[in-house]
Amino acid sequence: MRKDFEVLRQRGVTFDEPEPEDYPFGVRIETADPDGNRISLRQQRRGNRADG
């Protein structure tokens, strides 16, 4: 996710936060498309599945 964040930022995408945000479930980045629709990308931590 962090590598994708850098690639997207270099291509002109602006994000709500200057860096990806860490959460208990993993990592999240958020932006909006030209029409104002919110886009949230999340990457789950390894081993964070409910079934083990």
PDB file of N, CA and C in Angstrom:
ATOM      1  N   MET A   1       0.822  -1.182   0.000  1.00  0.00           N
ATOM      2  CA  MET A   1       0.000   0.000   0.000  1.00  0.00           C
ATOM      3  C   MET A   1       0.870   1.252   0.000  1.00  0.00           C
ATOM      4  N   ARG A   2       1.930   1.238   0.789  1.00  0.00           N
ATOM      5  CA  ARG A   2       2.776   2.437   0.867  1.00  0.00           C
ATOM      6  C   ARG A   2       3.469   2.715  -0.469  1.00  0.00           C
ATOM      7  N   LYS A   3       3.868   1.680  -1.178  1.00  0.00           N
ATOM      8  CA  LYS A   3       4.482   1.879  -2.499  1.00  0.00           C
ATOM      9  C   LYS A   3       3.452   2.432  -3.481  1.00  0.00           C
ATOM     10  N   ASP A   4       2.239   1.873  -3.451  1.00  0.00           N
ATOM     11  CA  ASP A   4       1.173   2.369  -4.330  1.00  0.00           C
ATOM     12  C   ASP A   4       0.833   3.818  -4.010  1.00  0.00           C
ATOM     13  N   PHE A   5       0.827   4.169  -2.732  1.00  0.00           N
ATOM     14  CA  PHE A   5       0.573   5.538  -2.304  1.00  0.00           C
ATOM     15  C   PHE A   5       1.575   6.484  -2.957  1.00  0.00           C
ATOM     16  N   GLU A   6       2.848   6.122  -2.928  1.00  0.00           N
ATOM     17  CA  GLU A   6       3.886   6.976  -3.523  1.00  0.00           C
ATOM     18  C   GLU A   6       3.715   7.094  -5.035  1.00  0.00           C
ATOM     19  N   VAL A   7       3.405   5.990  -5.693  1.00  0.00           N
ATOM     20  CA  VAL A   7       3.201   6.022  -7.149  1.00  0.00           C
ATOM     21  C   VAL A   7       2.020   6.925  -7.493  1.00  0.00           C
ATOM     22  N   LEU A   8       0.914   6.765  -6.795  1.00  0.00           N
ATOM     23  CA  LEU A   8      -0.270   7.591  -7.066  1.00  0.00           C
ATOM     24  C   LEU A   8       0.004   9.061  -6.793  1.00  0.00           C
ATOM     25  N   ARG A   9       0.709   9.350  -5.714  1.00  0.00           N
ATOM     26  CA  ARG A   9       1.026  10.748  -5.386  1.00  0.00           C
ATOM     27  C   ARG A   9       1.919  11.357  -6.473  1.00  0.00           C
ATOM     28  N   GLN A  10       2.885  10.593  -6.967  1.00  0.00           N
ATOM     29  CA  GLN A  10       3.761  11.092  -8.033  1.00  0.00           C
ATOM     30  C   GLN A  10       2.975  11.347  -9.322  1.00  0.00           C
ATOM     31  N   ARG A  11       1.865  10.647  -9.484  1.00  0.00           N
ATOM     32  CA  ARG A  11       1.024  10.826 -10.674  1.00  0.00           C
ATOM     33  C   ARG A  11      -0.026  11.927 -10.494  1.00  0.00           C
ATOM     34  N   GLY A  12       0.026  12.615  -9.363  1.00  0.00           N
ATOM     35  CA  GLY A  12      -0.840  13.767  -9.168  1.00  0.00           C
ATOM     36  C   GLY A  12      -2.055  13.562  -8.287  1.00  0.00           C
ATOM     37  N   VAL A  13      -2.222  12.363  -7.723  1.00  0.00           N
ATOM     38  CA  VAL A  13      -3.353  12.136  -6.827  1.00  0.00           C
ATOM     39  C   VAL A  13      -3.066  12.841  -5.504  1.00  0.00           C
ATOM     40  N   THR A  14      -4.050  13.559  -4.995  1.00  0.00           N
ATOM     41  CA  THR A  14      -3.898  14.205  -3.693  1.00  0.00           C
ATOM     42  C   THR A  14      -4.684  13.402  -2.662  1.00  0.00           C
ATOM     43  N   PHE A  15      -4.106  13.250  -1.495  1.00  0.00           N
ATOM     44  CA  PHE A  15      -4.701  12.459  -0.428  1.00  0.00           C
ATOM     45  C   PHE A  15      -5.070  13.344   0.748  1.00  0.00           C
ATOM     46  N   ASP A  16      -6.004  12.858   1.565  1.00  0.00           N
ATOM     47  CA  ASP A  16      -6.451  13.610   2.736  1.00  0.00           C
ATOM     48  C   ASP A  16      -5.330  13.777   3.755  1.00  0.00           C
ATOM     49  N   GLU A  17      -4.514  12.763   3.915  1.00  0.00           N
ATOM     50  CA  GLU A  17      -3.401  12.782   4.863  1.00  0.00           C
ATOM     51  C   GLU A  17      -2.083  12.715   4.099  1.00  0.00           C
ATOM     52  N   PRO A  18      -1.009  13.271   4.664  1.00  0.00           N
ATOM     53  CA  PRO A  18       0.274  13.270   3.957  1.00  0.00           C
ATOM     54  C   PRO A  18       0.932  11.895   3.848  1.00  0.00           C
ATOM     55  N   GLU A  19       0.502  10.953   4.679  1.00  0.00           N
ATOM     56  CA  GLU A  19       1.045   9.595   4.666  1.00  0.00           C
ATOM     57  C   GLU A  19      -0.091   8.603   4.901  1.00  0.00           C
ATOM     58  N   PRO A  20       0.084   7.326   4.500  1.00  0.00           N
ATOM     59  CA  PRO A  20      -0.922   6.307   4.828  1.00  0.00           C
ATOM     60  C   PRO A  20      -1.120   6.225   6.343  1.00  0.00           C
ATOM     61  N   GLU A  21      -2.350   5.934   6.745  1.00  0.00           N
ATOM     62  CA  GLU A  21      -2.677   5.871   8.164  1.00  0.00           C
ATOM     63  C   GLU A  21      -2.699   4.421   8.644  1.00  0.00           C
ATOM     64  N   ASP A  22      -2.080   4.177   9.793  1.00  0.00           N
ATOM     65  CA  ASP A  22      -2.072   2.850  10.395  1.00  0.00           C
ATOM     66  C   ASP A  22      -3.277   2.702  11.313  1.00  0.00           C
ATOM     67  N   TYR A  23      -3.943   1.558  11.222  1.00  0.00           N
ATOM     68  CA  TYR A  23      -5.091   1.212  12.044  1.00  0.00           C
ATOM     69  C   TYR A  23      -4.902  -0.217  12.543  1.00  0.00           C
ATOM     70  N   PRO A  24      -5.684  -0.646  13.532  1.00  0.00           N
ATOM     71  CA  PRO A  24      -5.552  -2.030  14.011  1.00  0.00           C
ATOM     72  C   PRO A  24      -5.738  -3.071  12.901  1.00  0.00           C
ATOM     73  N   PHE A  25      -6.583  -2.787  11.908  1.00  0.00           N
ATOM     74  CA  PHE A  25      -6.819  -3.741  10.819  1.00  0.00           C
ATOM     75  C   PHE A  25      -5.724  -3.727   9.761  1.00  0.00           C
ATOM     76  N   GLY A  26      -4.952  -2.626   9.672  1.00  0.00           N
ATOM     77  CA  GLY A  26      -3.938  -2.502   8.640  1.00  0.00           C
ATOM     78  C   GLY A  26      -3.652  -1.052   8.298  1.00  0.00           C
ATOM     79  N   VAL A  27      -3.608  -0.751   6.998  1.00  0.00           N
ATOM     80  CA  VAL A  27      -3.247   0.581   6.521  1.00  0.00           C
ATOM     81  C   VAL A  27      -4.376   1.100   5.632  1.00  0.00           C
ATOM     82  N   ARG A  28      -4.600   2.428   5.681  1.00  0.00           N
ATOM     83  CA  ARG A  28      -5.657   3.037   4.868  1.00  0.00           C
ATOM     84  C   ARG A  28      -5.153   4.340   4.263  1.00  0.00           C
ATOM     85  N   ILE A  29      -5.581   4.598   3.017  1.00  0.00           N
ATOM     86  CA  ILE A  29      -5.381   5.896   2.384  1.00  0.00           C
ATOM     87  C   ILE A  29      -6.724   6.335   1.811  1.00  0.00           C
ATOM     88  N   GLU A  30      -6.972   7.652   1.809  1.00  0.00           N
ATOM     89  CA  GLU A  30      -8.229   8.178   1.283  1.00  0.00           C
ATOM     90  C   GLU A  30      -7.978   9.366   0.374  1.00  0.00           C
ATOM     91  N   THR A  31      -8.824   9.457  -0.648  1.00  0.00           N
ATOM     92  CA  THR A  31      -8.778  10.555  -1.600  1.00  0.00           C
ATOM     93  C   THR A  31     -10.193  10.762  -2.135  1.00  0.00           C
ATOM     94  N   ALA A  32     -10.353  11.634  -3.087  1.00  0.00           N
ATOM     95  CA  ALA A  32     -11.638  11.846  -3.751  1.00  0.00           C
ATOM     96  C   ALA A  32     -11.403  11.948  -5.247  1.00  0.00           C
ATOM     97  N   ASP A  33     -12.354  11.443  -6.028  1.00  0.00           N
ATOM     98  CA  ASP A  33     -12.232  11.566  -7.477  1.00  0.00           C
ATOM     99  C   ASP A  33     -12.667  12.977  -7.894  1.00  0.00           C
ATOM    100  N   PRO A  34     -12.538  13.321  -9.171  1.00  0.00           N
ATOM    101  CA  PRO A  34     -12.875  14.683  -9.616  1.00  0.00           C
ATOM    102  C   PRO A  34     -14.326  15.099  -9.334  1.00  0.00           C
ATOM    103  N   ASP A  35     -15.219  14.123  -9.159  1.00  0.00           N
ATOM    104  CA  ASP A  35     -16.618  14.434  -8.870  1.00  0.00           C
ATOM    105  C   ASP A  35     -16.902  14.513  -7.370  1.00  0.00           C
ATOM    106  N   GLY A  36     -15.875  14.318  -6.561  1.00  0.00           N
ATOM    107  CA  GLY A  36     -16.041  14.407  -5.120  1.00  0.00           C
ATOM    108  C   GLY A  36     -16.387  13.109  -4.423  1.00  0.00           C
ATOM    109  N   ASN A  37     -16.428  12.002  -5.167  1.00  0.00           N
ATOM    110  CA  ASN A  37     -16.701  10.702  -4.554  1.00  0.00           C
ATOM    111  C   ASN A  37     -15.500  10.247  -3.737  1.00  0.00           C
ATOM    112  N   ARG A  38     -15.745   9.821  -2.501  1.00  0.00           N
ATOM    113  CA  ARG A  38     -14.678   9.379  -1.610  1.00  0.00           C
ATOM    114  C   ARG A  38     -14.151   8.021  -2.047  1.00  0.00           C
ATOM    115  N   ILE A  39     -12.835   7.877  -2.024  1.00  0.00           N
ATOM    116  CA  ILE A  39     -12.169   6.616  -2.349  1.00  0.00           C
ATOM    117  C   ILE A  39     -11.279   6.261  -1.171  1.00  0.00           C
ATOM    118  N   SER A  40     -11.506   5.087  -0.619  1.00  0.00           N
ATOM    119  CA  SER A  40     -10.730   4.615   0.515  1.00  0.00           C
ATOM    120  C   SER A  40     -10.086   3.285   0.130  1.00  0.00           C
ATOM    121  N   LEU A  41      -8.774   3.229   0.182  1.00  0.00           N
ATOM    122  CA  LEU A  41      -8.041   1.995  -0.101  1.00  0.00           C
ATOM    123  C   LEU A  41      -7.477   1.464   1.203  1.00  0.00           C
ATOM    124  N   ARG A  42      -7.671   0.173   1.429  1.00  0.00           N
ATOM    125  CA  ARG A  42      -7.222  -0.441   2.679  1.00  0.00           C
ATOM    126  C   ARG A  42      -6.438  -1.702   2.397  1.00  0.00           C
ATOM    127  N   GLN A  43      -5.424  -1.916   3.214  1.00  0.00           N
ATOM    128  CA  GLN A  43      -4.641  -3.148   3.133  1.00  0.00           C
ATOM    129  C   GLN A  43      -4.678  -3.793   4.516  1.00  0.00           C
ATOM    130  N   GLN A  44      -5.184  -5.015   4.539  1.00  0.00           N
ATOM    131  CA  GLN A  44      -5.306  -5.747   5.788  1.00  0.00           C
ATOM    132  C   GLN A  44      -3.943  -6.269   6.248  1.00  0.00           C
ATOM    133  N   ARG A  45      -3.731  -6.237   7.541  1.00  0.00           N
ATOM    134  CA  ARG A  45      -2.509  -6.808   8.098  1.00  0.00           C
ATOM    135  C   ARG A  45      -2.512  -8.314   7.889  1.00  0.00           C
ATOM    136  N   ARG A  46      -1.345  -8.890   7.710  1.00  0.00           N
ATOM    137  CA  ARG A  46      -1.251 -10.342   7.598  1.00  0.00           C
ATOM    138  C   ARG A  46      -1.635 -10.988   8.920  1.00  0.00           C
ATOM    139  N   GLY A  47      -2.346 -12.106   8.843  1.00  0.00           N
ATOM    140  CA  GLY A  47      -2.751 -12.814  10.037  1.00  0.00           C
ATOM    141  C   GLY A  47      -3.854 -12.136  10.803  1.00  0.00           C
ATOM    142  N   ASN A  48      -4.579 -11.193  10.166  1.00  0.00           N
ATOM    143  CA  ASN A  48      -5.649 -10.447  10.835  1.00  0.00           C
ATOM    144  C   ASN A  48      -7.024 -10.938  10.396  1.00  0.00           C
ATOM    145  N   ARG A  49      -7.116 -12.204  10.025  1.00  0.00           N
ATOM    146  CA  ARG A  49      -8.386 -12.750   9.551  1.00  0.00           C
ATOM    147  C   ARG A  49      -9.180 -13.318  10.718  1.00  0.00           C
ATOM    148  N   ALA A  50     -10.471 -13.206  10.645  1.00  0.00           N
ATOM    149  CA  ALA A  50     -11.346 -13.696  11.721  1.00  0.00           C
ATOM    150  C   ALA A  50     -11.251 -15.215  11.886  1.00  0.00           C
ATOM    151  N   ASP A  51     -10.964 -15.934  10.789  1.00  0.00           N
ATOM    152  CA  ASP A  51     -10.901 -17.390  10.880  1.00  0.00           C
ATOM    153  C   ASP A  51      -9.493 -17.893  11.156  1.00  0.00           C
ATOM    154  N   GLY A  52      -8.589 -16.998  11.526  1.00  0.00           N
ATOM    155  CA  GLY A  52      -7.289 -17.415  11.979  1.00  0.00           C
ATOM    156  C   GLY A  52      -6.224 -17.327  10.974  1.00  0.00           C
TER     157      GLY A  52
END
